[in-house]
Amino acid sequence: MHAMPDFLKNAGSAGLSDDIARQQDDATRIALYLAAQIQKEHLELHRQRVAGAIDPVTAHCYLKIKEFIWTATRLLGLAHLHDGTRKRIPAPSHPRNPLGGDDPTCAILDSTSPRLFIDVTPTYRHGGNQGIQRVVREIAKRSMRGEGALPVVIQNGRLAPYFERRAPLPPIEFRKGDKFLILDASWLVTDEYVPIIEKLTAAGGQLVTLVYDLIPLTQPLSVAAPMTDQFKTWFESIVLKSDRILCISRSVADDVVAYISREGARTKPDLRVGWWRLGADFDEQAEKSVSAEAREITADDTPIFLSVGTLEPRKAYPIALEAFDILWRSNVLDARYVIIGRPGWQSEALQRDINDHPELGRRLFWLNDASDADLRHCYEHARGLIFPSMVEGFGLPLVEAGRRGIPVIASDIPVFHEIAGPDVRYFDLLDPVDLAHEILRLSREAPMRGEASYLTWDDAADALLELVTRDAYQARIVGAASAPGLAAHGR
């Protein structure tokens, strides 16, 4: 049996036993809830397939008509409309250097000191405005303020600068002492990173991998089945071969160390683990104007409660919906519940529940394509943030709301206590009745804005660069090649 990580031994034996028992109970409740939600989603998908089915005669006629149209379009030279021969969409252009003025890229590349290359490849290729992509862009924008840090992307098996330049540069080659920080969701293209990492190792460089969470490994019901296999391959091929692992919270660091210990995984003998806090001001520079829908939702004095995040099972939106249903049916609360988030995996039944809800458009609203300007506007008008999620690596909405002094009601899970502490009102995990009680209690209090202190993205970027460049990780894996434990290290 592996030794418990030292930095986890932070409570008395009785208290620790209670914590372990509670964590085990919570894990069971989460697993049962996820299983029930996924079964519901599967039934919804089956219902949609049955509803969309057509009789054999209609299907035969449809195929014959389709055959005729495709033949005709080929004869007319329009085959590219349906057979995949249309021109490829060009690769996304590099964003402009946000610093303006002189481009520091050449100075960084020519520096005789060790350099830090920050990988942002998936976000560069695919865009997106979810949590990870927002983190990546905020760090990339600020990383070049420091000495020797350069955001990069993989192109044709080589590294290239992320920001646009007037003149092309030769491919980036690693030198001894260089560091390669994989900041982005690299599990999407693990194979492309392996040869880059081999070159880094051969040159005597250091690999640092950022881990946002271990949800696909520790809560596989929270993600699509292929995602677990994809993530496991990434973890074994990249994370376990890293010289340093960086996490977005201490809770995630705990999970990483516990998983390595439990699995008896082999790592580099001096593997060190650190954790770092995210910023909360990335939407202050929103360029788009606020949408008419967002303005209409906030047009009168009706209190607004807000939830932010992708629609997926682990976010537990049905718990919040049930809590508001309890309050609305009882006629004890006249308030609006606004959900801001794109549809995610296994959310078809939830989308149907929202779209068929009798309060939709009156007291229930769903903004599934909100801009940063919409998000900021809704935060500014919110009476409170509802965060019912059961599994998180950090919880950006906590710090977004906290920075504006908005009251928060969140699930009682360890990472939320770590990130927000006593500034948040907690409700019992997956308990809509307790959540309804907290919402009602907050609604009856005089509206006020607190002054919770959270990091800006400038502060977060500075802290990240200092931690990585100074090798100031908080802990190290002891004897990681065999049976890992964790010893306190650094600050």
Protein backbone atom coordinates (compact mmCIF):
# COMPACT_ATOMS: atom_id res chain seq x y z
CA MET A 1 0.00 0.00 0.00
CA HIS A 2 1.45 3.38 -0.97
CA ALA A 3 2.19 6.02 1.66
CA MET A 4 -0.20 8.95 1.88
CA PRO A 5 1.22 12.14 0.36
CA ASP A 6 2.71 14.31 3.13
CA PHE A 7 0.95 17.50 2.13
CA LEU A 8 -2.39 15.70 2.41
CA LYS A 9 -1.68 14.99 6.10
CA ASN A 10 -3.10 18.31 7.19
CA ALA A 11 -5.69 17.22 9.71
CA GLY A 12 -5.97 15.16 12.86
CA SER A 13 -6.62 11.46 12.48
CA ALA A 14 -10.27 11.75 13.57
CA GLY A 15 -10.95 14.70 11.30
CA LEU A 16 -9.13 13.00 8.45
CA SER A 17 -11.23 9.86 8.86
CA ASP A 18 -14.39 11.96 8.75
CA ASP A 19 -13.15 13.73 5.61
CA ILE A 20 -12.35 10.45 3.89
CA ALA A 21 -15.76 9.01 4.79
CA ARG A 22 -17.48 12.13 3.47
CA GLN A 23 -15.46 12.06 0.24
CA GLN A 24 -16.39 8.41 -0.29
CA ASP A 25 -20.06 9.19 0.33
CA ASP A 26 -19.94 12.15 -2.07
CA ALA A 27 -18.22 10.01 -4.70
CA THR A 28 -21.02 7.43 -4.46
CA ARG A 29 -23.71 10.09 -4.77
CA ILE A 30 -21.97 11.66 -7.76
CA ALA A 31 -21.61 8.30 -9.52
CA LEU A 32 -25.29 7.46 -8.98
CA TYR A 33 -26.41 10.90 -10.14
CA LEU A 34 -24.26 10.74 -13.27
CA ALA A 35 -25.50 7.25 -14.11
CA ALA A 36 -29.12 8.43 -13.81
CA GLN A 37 -28.48 11.51 -15.95
CA ILE A 38 -26.71 9.54 -18.66
CA GLN A 39 -29.55 7.01 -18.77
CA LYS A 40 -31.97 9.92 -19.21
CA GLU A 41 -29.82 11.33 -22.01
CA HIS A 42 -29.72 7.95 -23.78
CA LEU A 43 -33.50 7.71 -23.59
CA GLU A 44 -33.77 11.20 -25.10
CA LEU A 45 -31.47 10.25 -27.98
CA HIS A 46 -33.58 7.14 -28.60
CA ARG A 47 -36.75 9.26 -28.56
CA GLN A 48 -35.21 11.63 -31.12
CA ARG A 49 -34.21 8.73 -33.39
CA VAL A 50 -37.72 7.24 -33.25
CA ALA A 51 -39.31 10.65 -33.86
CA GLY A 52 -37.07 11.17 -36.88
CA ALA A 53 -37.65 7.76 -38.41
CA ILE A 54 -39.41 7.53 -41.78
CA ASP A 55 -41.27 4.67 -43.46
CA PRO A 56 -39.43 2.43 -46.01
CA VAL A 57 -41.23 3.83 -49.09
CA THR A 58 -40.39 7.44 -48.20
CA ALA A 59 -36.80 6.44 -47.42
CA HIS A 60 -36.46 4.72 -50.84
CA CYS A 61 -37.86 7.76 -52.67
CA TYR A 62 -35.54 10.07 -50.72
CA LEU A 63 -32.46 8.03 -51.70
CA LYS A 64 -33.48 7.98 -55.40
CA ILE A 65 -34.02 11.76 -55.42
CA LYS A 66 -30.68 12.26 -53.67
CA GLU A 67 -29.00 10.01 -56.27
CA PHE A 68 -30.47 12.10 -59.10
CA ILE A 69 -29.42 15.42 -57.55
CA TRP A 70 -25.85 14.23 -56.95
CA THR A 71 -25.57 12.92 -60.55
CA ALA A 72 -26.90 16.19 -61.96
CA THR A 73 -24.57 18.35 -59.86
CA ARG A 74 -21.54 16.30 -60.96
CA LEU A 75 -22.50 16.81 -64.62
CA LEU A 76 -22.82 20.55 -63.96
CA GLY A 77 -19.42 20.71 -62.24
CA LEU A 78 -20.93 21.38 -58.81
CA ALA A 79 -19.84 18.16 -57.10
CA HIS A 80 -17.88 20.13 -54.51
CA LEU A 81 -21.20 21.08 -52.89
CA HIS A 82 -21.68 17.59 -51.47
CA ASP A 83 -18.78 15.18 -52.00
CA GLY A 84 -16.04 16.70 -49.85
CA THR A 85 -13.95 18.15 -52.69
CA ARG A 86 -14.68 21.75 -51.77
CA LYS A 87 -11.66 23.89 -51.02
CA ARG A 88 -10.17 23.50 -47.59
CA ILE A 89 -10.81 26.26 -45.12
CA PRO A 90 -7.46 28.05 -44.64
CA ALA A 91 -5.67 27.66 -41.32
CA PRO A 92 -6.46 30.39 -38.79
CA SER A 93 -4.23 33.42 -39.05
CA HIS A 94 -1.89 34.22 -36.22
CA PRO A 95 -3.31 36.90 -33.92
CA ARG A 96 -1.52 40.23 -33.83
CA ASN A 97 1.02 40.90 -31.14
CA PRO A 98 -1.08 42.38 -28.30
CA LEU A 99 1.87 44.34 -26.93
CA GLY A 100 2.18 46.59 -29.96
CA GLY A 101 5.39 48.46 -30.68
CA ASP A 102 8.59 46.48 -31.20
CA ASP A 103 8.17 42.74 -31.64
CA PRO A 104 10.17 40.94 -28.91
CA THR A 105 10.11 37.55 -30.69
CA CYS A 106 13.59 37.75 -32.24
CA ALA A 107 15.14 39.01 -29.02
CA ILE A 108 13.61 36.10 -27.13
CA LEU A 109 14.73 33.51 -29.68
CA ASP A 110 18.26 34.93 -29.86
CA SER A 111 18.67 35.17 -26.10
CA THR A 112 21.60 33.22 -24.69
CA SER A 113 19.60 32.54 -21.52
CA PRO A 114 17.21 29.59 -21.20
CA ARG A 115 13.90 30.32 -22.90
CA LEU A 116 10.33 29.40 -22.00
CA PHE A 117 8.08 28.24 -24.86
CA ILE A 118 4.38 28.20 -24.02
CA ASP A 119 2.32 25.89 -26.24
CA VAL A 120 -1.15 27.10 -27.29
CA THR A 121 -1.70 24.89 -30.35
CA PRO A 122 -5.29 23.58 -29.90
CA THR A 123 -6.68 27.03 -29.09
CA TYR A 124 -4.87 28.53 -32.09
CA ARG A 125 -6.31 25.86 -34.38
CA HIS A 126 -9.84 25.51 -33.09
CA GLY A 127 -10.64 28.73 -31.25
CA GLY A 128 -13.43 28.44 -28.71
CA ASN A 129 -14.52 30.51 -25.75
CA GLN A 130 -14.77 27.93 -22.98
CA GLY A 131 -12.68 27.81 -19.81
CA ILE A 132 -9.42 26.36 -21.14
CA GLN A 133 -9.35 28.49 -24.29
CA ARG A 134 -9.97 31.62 -22.25
CA VAL A 135 -7.12 30.73 -19.87
CA VAL A 136 -4.77 30.04 -22.78
CA ARG A 137 -5.50 33.34 -24.52
CA GLU A 138 -5.14 35.40 -21.36
CA ILE A 139 -1.75 33.87 -20.51
CA ALA A 140 -0.54 34.10 -24.13
CA LYS A 141 -1.40 37.81 -24.26
CA ARG A 142 0.64 38.52 -21.16
CA SER A 143 3.49 36.03 -21.32
CA MET A 144 5.72 38.12 -23.60
CA ARG A 145 5.92 40.89 -21.01
CA GLY A 146 8.42 38.77 -19.10
CA GLU A 147 11.92 37.93 -20.21
CA GLY A 148 12.40 34.92 -22.43
CA ALA A 149 8.78 33.67 -22.66
CA LEU A 150 7.20 33.05 -26.07
CA PRO A 151 3.79 31.51 -26.97
CA VAL A 152 4.20 28.92 -29.73
CA VAL A 153 2.16 26.53 -31.88
CA ILE A 154 2.96 23.28 -33.67
CA GLN A 155 3.00 23.62 -37.46
CA ASN A 156 4.10 20.75 -39.70
CA GLY A 157 5.86 19.06 -36.81
CA ARG A 158 7.85 22.17 -35.80
CA LEU A 159 7.29 25.06 -33.42
CA ALA A 160 6.37 28.53 -34.68
CA PRO A 161 5.56 31.80 -32.83
CA TYR A 162 1.88 32.21 -31.96
CA PHE A 163 1.67 35.93 -32.65
CA GLU A 164 1.83 37.42 -36.14
CA ARG A 165 5.13 38.74 -37.44
CA ARG A 166 6.10 40.85 -40.45
CA ALA A 167 8.78 38.38 -41.55
CA PRO A 168 8.79 34.58 -41.19
CA LEU A 169 11.29 32.92 -38.87
CA PRO A 170 13.14 29.64 -39.22
CA PRO A 171 11.71 26.74 -37.15
CA ILE A 172 12.38 27.02 -33.44
CA GLU A 173 15.09 24.66 -32.16
CA PHE A 174 15.43 23.76 -28.49
CA ARG A 175 18.62 24.45 -26.56
CA LYS A 176 19.86 23.13 -23.23
CA GLY A 177 17.98 24.72 -20.36
CA ASP A 178 14.90 25.66 -22.42
CA LYS A 179 11.49 24.91 -20.95
CA PHE A 180 8.41 23.83 -22.87
CA LEU A 181 5.15 24.54 -21.04
CA ILE A 182 2.15 22.69 -22.49
CA LEU A 183 -0.58 25.10 -21.43
CA ASP A 184 -3.35 23.98 -23.77
CA ALA A 185 -5.66 20.96 -24.12
CA SER A 186 -2.92 18.82 -25.66
CA TRP A 187 -4.81 15.53 -25.16
CA LEU A 188 -6.65 16.39 -28.37
CA VAL A 189 -3.50 15.79 -30.47
CA THR A 190 -1.15 13.75 -28.27
CA ASP A 191 0.70 12.21 -31.21
CA GLU A 192 1.88 15.60 -32.44
CA TYR A 193 3.52 16.41 -29.12
CA VAL A 194 5.54 13.22 -28.75
CA PRO A 195 8.23 14.09 -31.37
CA ILE A 196 8.41 17.66 -30.04
CA ILE A 197 9.01 16.33 -26.53
CA GLU A 198 11.68 13.91 -27.82
CA LYS A 199 13.55 16.85 -29.36
CA LEU A 200 13.22 18.80 -26.14
CA THR A 201 14.61 15.92 -24.08
CA ALA A 202 17.49 15.34 -26.52
CA ALA A 203 18.45 19.01 -26.25
CA GLY A 204 18.48 18.94 -22.45
CA GLY A 205 15.28 20.92 -21.98
CA GLN A 206 12.55 20.63 -19.37
CA LEU A 207 8.93 19.60 -20.02
CA VAL A 208 6.23 21.27 -17.90
CA THR A 209 2.62 20.10 -18.38
CA LEU A 210 -0.41 21.93 -17.05
CA VAL A 211 -3.19 19.67 -15.72
CA TYR A 212 -6.60 21.31 -15.45
CA ASP A 213 -8.23 18.29 -13.80
CA LEU A 214 -8.32 14.49 -13.86
CA ILE A 215 -12.08 14.25 -14.40
CA PRO A 216 -11.86 11.81 -17.38
CA LEU A 217 -9.85 9.41 -15.18
CA THR A 218 -11.49 9.89 -11.79
CA GLN A 219 -15.08 10.48 -12.97
CA PRO A 220 -15.33 8.70 -16.34
CA LEU A 221 -19.13 8.98 -16.37
CA SER A 222 -18.67 12.75 -16.66
CA VAL A 223 -17.25 12.55 -20.17
CA ALA A 224 -17.83 10.70 -23.44
CA ALA A 225 -16.30 7.21 -23.42
CA PRO A 226 -13.69 7.97 -26.13
CA MET A 227 -12.53 10.95 -24.06
CA THR A 228 -11.40 8.71 -21.19
CA ASP A 229 -9.22 6.60 -23.50
CA GLN A 230 -7.89 9.72 -25.23
CA PHE A 231 -7.10 11.40 -21.91
CA LYS A 232 -5.47 8.27 -20.45
CA THR A 233 -3.16 8.01 -23.48
CA TRP A 234 -2.23 11.68 -23.06
CA PHE A 235 -1.62 11.26 -19.32
CA GLU A 236 0.67 8.28 -19.85
CA SER A 237 2.48 9.69 -22.90
CA ILE A 238 2.99 13.28 -21.76
CA VAL A 239 2.09 13.99 -18.14
CA LEU A 240 3.93 11.02 -16.65
CA LYS A 241 7.00 11.86 -18.76
CA SER A 242 7.06 15.49 -17.64
CA ASP A 243 9.82 16.98 -15.51
CA ARG A 244 7.28 19.19 -13.78
CA ILE A 245 3.49 19.12 -13.43
CA LEU A 246 1.55 22.31 -12.89
CA CYS A 247 -2.08 22.31 -11.68
CA ILE A 248 -4.74 25.01 -11.50
CA SER A 249 -5.55 24.28 -7.85
CA ARG A 250 -4.14 22.38 -4.91
CA SER A 251 -7.14 20.06 -5.12
CA VAL A 252 -6.09 19.02 -8.62
CA ALA A 253 -2.51 18.55 -7.40
CA ASP A 254 -3.85 16.26 -4.66
CA ASP A 255 -5.75 14.27 -7.29
CA VAL A 256 -2.69 13.96 -9.55
CA VAL A 257 -0.42 12.72 -6.77
CA ALA A 258 -3.06 10.35 -5.40
CA TYR A 259 -3.69 8.92 -8.88
CA ILE A 260 0.03 8.40 -9.56
CA SER A 261 0.40 6.71 -6.19
CA ARG A 262 -2.69 4.55 -6.56
CA GLU A 263 -1.75 3.40 -10.06
CA GLY A 264 1.91 2.86 -9.18
CA ALA A 265 2.78 4.88 -12.26
CA ARG A 266 6.39 5.41 -13.30
CA THR A 267 7.56 9.01 -13.52
CA LYS A 268 10.87 10.84 -13.65
CA PRO A 269 12.70 10.47 -10.32
CA ASP A 270 12.65 14.19 -9.43
CA LEU A 271 9.14 15.01 -10.60
CA ARG A 272 7.81 18.14 -8.92
CA VAL A 273 4.22 19.32 -8.69
CA GLY A 274 2.97 22.87 -8.32
CA TRP A 275 -0.36 24.66 -8.23
CA TRP A 276 -1.30 28.09 -9.40
CA ARG A 277 -4.38 30.34 -9.31
CA LEU A 278 -6.30 31.61 -12.33
CA GLY A 279 -7.28 35.24 -12.88
CA ALA A 280 -10.77 36.69 -13.00
CA ASP A 281 -10.83 39.74 -15.28
CA PHE A 282 -10.62 38.29 -18.81
CA ASP A 283 -13.91 39.79 -19.95
CA GLU A 284 -13.15 43.41 -19.06
CA GLN A 285 -11.88 44.14 -22.58
CA ALA A 286 -14.90 42.71 -24.39
CA GLU A 287 -15.20 44.37 -27.79
CA LYS A 288 -18.67 43.23 -28.85
CA SER A 289 -21.77 45.11 -27.81
CA VAL A 290 -24.30 43.55 -25.46
CA SER A 291 -26.97 41.56 -27.30
CA ALA A 292 -30.61 42.61 -27.34
CA GLU A 293 -31.58 39.38 -25.56
CA ALA A 294 -29.20 40.03 -22.65
CA ARG A 295 -30.45 43.61 -22.35
CA GLU A 296 -34.08 42.49 -22.37
CA ILE A 297 -33.46 39.94 -19.60
CA THR A 298 -32.04 42.67 -17.35
CA ALA A 299 -34.41 45.46 -18.39
CA ASP A 300 -36.51 45.59 -15.18
CA ASP A 301 -35.97 45.16 -11.45
CA THR A 302 -36.77 41.44 -11.28
CA PRO A 303 -33.89 39.72 -9.41
CA ILE A 304 -31.61 37.65 -11.63
CA PHE A 305 -29.74 34.54 -10.58
CA LEU A 306 -27.05 33.39 -12.96
CA SER A 307 -25.27 30.12 -13.80
CA VAL A 308 -22.26 29.99 -16.13
CA GLY A 309 -20.76 26.92 -17.80
CA THR A 310 -21.18 24.34 -20.55
CA LEU A 311 -24.26 22.15 -20.39
CA GLU A 312 -22.98 18.71 -19.42
CA PRO A 313 -23.85 16.15 -16.71
CA ARG A 314 -21.18 17.13 -14.15
CA LYS A 315 -22.42 20.74 -14.07
CA ALA A 316 -25.65 19.50 -12.40
CA TYR A 317 -27.96 22.06 -14.00
CA PRO A 318 -31.03 19.85 -13.30
CA ILE A 319 -30.40 20.40 -9.58
CA ALA A 320 -30.58 24.18 -10.01
CA LEU A 321 -33.65 23.90 -12.27
CA GLU A 322 -35.42 21.76 -9.69
CA ALA A 323 -34.53 24.24 -6.94
CA PHE A 324 -36.08 27.12 -8.90
CA ASP A 325 -39.11 24.99 -9.79
CA ILE A 326 -39.67 24.43 -6.07
CA LEU A 327 -39.58 28.18 -5.43
CA TRP A 328 -41.67 29.13 -8.47
CA ARG A 329 -44.38 26.53 -7.81
CA SER A 330 -44.60 27.63 -4.19
CA ASN A 331 -44.99 31.28 -5.24
CA VAL A 332 -42.38 32.33 -2.70
CA LEU A 333 -39.90 33.82 -5.18
CA ASP A 334 -40.34 35.93 -8.28
CA ALA A 335 -36.87 35.81 -9.84
CA ARG A 336 -35.25 34.98 -13.15
CA TYR A 337 -32.80 32.15 -13.63
CA VAL A 338 -30.35 32.76 -16.50
CA ILE A 339 -28.07 30.01 -17.83
CA ILE A 340 -25.06 31.06 -19.91
CA GLY A 341 -23.35 28.12 -21.59
CA ARG A 342 -23.05 26.22 -24.83
CA PRO A 343 -24.54 22.74 -25.31
CA GLY A 344 -22.02 20.08 -24.33
CA TRP A 345 -21.72 16.31 -24.24
CA GLN A 346 -24.82 14.33 -23.16
CA SER A 347 -27.01 17.42 -22.84
CA GLU A 348 -29.86 16.63 -25.26
CA ALA A 349 -32.37 15.80 -22.50
CA LEU A 350 -31.34 18.86 -20.51
CA GLN A 351 -31.73 21.08 -23.58
CA ARG A 352 -35.22 19.65 -24.11
CA ASP A 353 -36.12 20.23 -20.46
CA ILE A 354 -35.03 23.86 -20.79
CA ASN A 355 -36.70 24.49 -24.15
CA ASP A 356 -39.97 22.84 -23.04
CA HIS A 357 -39.98 24.48 -19.60
CA PRO A 358 -43.19 26.48 -18.94
CA GLU A 359 -41.14 29.39 -17.57
CA LEU A 360 -38.81 29.66 -20.58
CA GLY A 361 -38.74 33.24 -21.80
CA ARG A 362 -40.50 34.47 -18.66
CA ARG A 363 -38.46 33.45 -15.64
CA LEU A 364 -36.05 30.98 -17.25
CA PHE A 365 -33.55 32.04 -19.91
CA TRP A 366 -30.75 30.23 -21.73
CA LEU A 367 -28.05 32.17 -23.59
CA ASN A 368 -26.25 29.45 -25.55
CA ASP A 369 -24.03 31.77 -27.59
CA ALA A 370 -23.27 34.65 -25.24
CA SER A 371 -20.37 36.99 -25.92
CA ASP A 372 -17.97 38.27 -23.27
CA ALA A 373 -19.96 41.49 -23.33
CA ASP A 374 -23.19 39.56 -22.58
CA LEU A 375 -21.47 37.68 -19.78
CA ARG A 376 -20.12 40.84 -18.22
CA HIS A 377 -23.52 42.53 -18.53
CA CYS A 378 -25.30 39.63 -16.82
CA TYR A 379 -22.74 39.54 -14.02
CA GLU A 380 -23.26 43.26 -13.46
CA HIS A 381 -27.02 42.75 -13.05
CA ALA A 382 -27.01 39.42 -11.19
CA ARG A 383 -28.41 39.10 -7.67
CA GLY A 384 -26.32 35.98 -7.21
CA LEU A 385 -24.39 33.20 -8.96
CA ILE A 386 -25.63 29.61 -8.68
CA PHE A 387 -22.85 27.05 -9.17
CA PRO A 388 -24.27 23.52 -8.68
CA SER A 389 -21.36 21.67 -10.33
CA MET A 390 -20.26 18.46 -8.60
CA VAL A 391 -16.79 18.00 -10.14
CA GLU A 392 -14.38 20.84 -10.99
CA GLY A 393 -10.67 21.51 -11.26
CA PHE A 394 -11.04 25.17 -10.34
CA GLY A 395 -14.33 26.96 -11.00
CA LEU A 396 -13.77 30.19 -12.94
CA PRO A 397 -17.32 31.51 -12.36
CA LEU A 398 -16.51 31.62 -8.62
CA VAL A 399 -13.71 34.11 -9.13
CA GLU A 400 -15.52 36.02 -11.88
CA ALA A 401 -18.49 36.60 -9.58
CA GLY A 402 -16.34 37.12 -6.51
CA ARG A 403 -14.30 39.81 -8.18
CA ARG A 404 -17.51 41.77 -8.73
CA GLY A 405 -18.73 41.13 -5.22
CA ILE A 406 -21.69 39.06 -6.40
CA PRO A 407 -23.00 36.59 -3.78
CA VAL A 408 -22.33 32.97 -4.75
CA ILE A 409 -24.20 29.80 -3.83
CA ALA A 410 -22.10 26.74 -4.71
CA SER A 411 -21.91 23.01 -4.16
CA ASP A 412 -20.13 21.99 -0.99
CA ILE A 413 -17.05 20.43 -2.59
CA PRO A 414 -13.38 20.77 -1.52
CA VAL A 415 -12.07 22.72 -4.52
CA PHE A 416 -14.69 25.44 -4.06
CA HIS A 417 -13.64 25.86 -0.42
CA GLU A 418 -10.04 26.13 -1.59
CA ILE A 419 -10.78 28.75 -4.25
CA ALA A 420 -13.45 30.83 -2.51
CA GLY A 421 -13.31 29.87 1.18
CA PRO A 422 -15.88 31.59 3.42
CA ASP A 423 -16.87 34.10 0.70
CA VAL A 424 -19.31 31.54 -0.72
CA ARG A 425 -22.59 30.13 0.60
CA TYR A 426 -22.51 26.34 0.27
CA PHE A 427 -25.41 23.94 -0.21
CA ASP A 428 -25.42 20.19 0.28
CA LEU A 429 -24.11 18.42 -2.80
CA LEU A 430 -26.87 17.49 -5.29
CA ASP A 431 -29.63 18.62 -2.90
CA PRO A 432 -32.15 20.87 -4.72
CA VAL A 433 -34.16 21.50 -1.54
CA ASP A 434 -31.13 22.83 0.32
CA LEU A 435 -30.20 24.92 -2.74
CA ALA A 436 -33.75 26.33 -2.90
CA HIS A 437 -33.47 27.28 0.78
CA GLU A 438 -30.19 29.13 0.16
CA ILE A 439 -31.59 30.95 -2.90
CA LEU A 440 -34.66 32.07 -0.93
CA ARG A 441 -32.53 33.18 2.01
CA LEU A 442 -30.28 35.24 -0.26
CA SER A 443 -33.25 36.78 -2.10
CA ARG A 444 -34.68 38.06 1.21
CA GLU A 445 -31.49 39.82 2.21
CA ALA A 446 -30.77 43.40 1.25
CA PRO A 447 -28.87 43.45 -2.08
CA MET A 448 -25.22 44.23 -1.54
CA ARG A 449 -21.88 43.75 -3.22
CA GLY A 450 -18.95 42.45 -1.25
CA GLU A 451 -15.27 43.12 -1.83
CA ALA A 452 -13.77 39.67 -2.26
CA SER A 453 -10.17 39.82 -3.46
CA TYR A 454 -9.15 37.74 -6.47
CA LEU A 455 -6.19 37.73 -8.82
CA THR A 456 -6.21 39.66 -12.06
CA TRP A 457 -4.88 37.91 -15.16
CA ASP A 458 -1.80 40.16 -14.99
CA ASP A 459 -1.11 38.81 -11.48
CA ALA A 460 -1.89 35.24 -12.52
CA ALA A 461 0.44 35.42 -15.54
CA ASP A 462 3.25 36.87 -13.43
CA ALA A 463 2.80 34.13 -10.81
CA LEU A 464 2.80 31.42 -13.49
CA LEU A 465 5.99 32.70 -15.14
CA GLU A 466 7.75 33.04 -11.80
CA LEU A 467 6.78 29.54 -10.70
CA VAL A 468 7.95 27.95 -13.95
CA THR A 469 11.11 29.97 -14.57
CA ARG A 470 12.28 29.83 -10.95
CA ASP A 471 11.34 26.15 -10.59
CA ALA A 472 9.41 27.14 -7.46
CA TYR A 473 7.06 24.17 -7.27
CA GLN A 474 5.44 23.50 -3.94
CA ALA A 475 6.05 19.74 -3.71
CA ARG A 476 8.03 16.91 -5.22
CA ILE A 477 7.28 13.25 -5.81
CA VAL A 478 9.53 11.03 -3.71
CA GLY A 479 10.68 7.75 -5.26
CA ALA A 480 8.32 8.29 -8.18
CA ALA A 481 9.82 5.51 -10.29
CA SER A 482 8.43 2.93 -7.89
CA ALA A 483 6.02 3.84 -5.09
CA PRO A 484 5.48 7.59 -5.07
CA GLY A 485 4.78 9.72 -2.05
CA LEU A 486 4.89 13.49 -1.83
CA ALA A 487 7.21 15.68 0.19
CA ALA A 488 6.89 19.38 0.81
CA HIS A 489 9.25 21.43 -1.29
CA GLY A 490 9.81 25.04 -2.11
CA ARG A 491 7.50 27.78 -0.98
